[in-house]
Amino acid sequence: MTSPGVEGSEIESLVDAAKNGDVGAFERLVEIHQHEVFGLAIRLVGDREMAADVAQEAMIRAWRALPKFRGDAAFSTWVHRITVNTAWTMRSRSKRNVADPLDEIGDIADTSWLTPERAGETAMLREALRRALDRLPEVHRTLVVLKDVEGWSHGDIAATLGISVTASKVRLHRAHVRLREYLKEEM
């Protein structure tokens, strides 16, 4: 989960320097991880504006907690865990309706080949999926986003959420079962 072109040794050096108070080193860590943190935040909260707030707050929390970072996990895993926790906190505080996360991330594939009928069906399916995802409990939604949208391994999910790999698999299975039920209701 390290950014392309950045080696683990560079991250470790930057983390060590930042832990010793080097603000510039931490700014470089933010620069390296900001896109993946924002991407994760937007998929968790489904709103660009709130995701920007989540990403910013997550980095502030990371700076404050940096002296406690032991290096048991990769720095990116640690920052992702902070991002997930921040997203949960901010989303639970928010009373706003959540925007369509699938619309926020843009089209994944070129759909110019779609007929108008197929485009309408795709839009209906996307909306049904959004509503079904919104109905999932926060922990299940997070697992679905991390595994199915972000493509994380169960090991990375477990490390980020502080659970076992087995718990990650079981909870994701439960999330999929619920999601299927909700989609059947939607359709």
Foldseek 3Di string as FASTA:
>chain_A
DWAPPDDLVLLVVLLVVLLVPDVVSLVVVCVRQVVVLLVLLCLQQVDNVVSVVLSVVLSVVCSVCSPVDPPPDRPNLQSNLSSLVSSVVSNVPDPDDHHQSVVVVPDPDDPPVDDPVVVVVVVLLSVLLSVLLVPDPSVQNSLCCVCVVVPDQLVSVCSSNVHDSVVSVVSPVVSVVSSVVSSVVSD
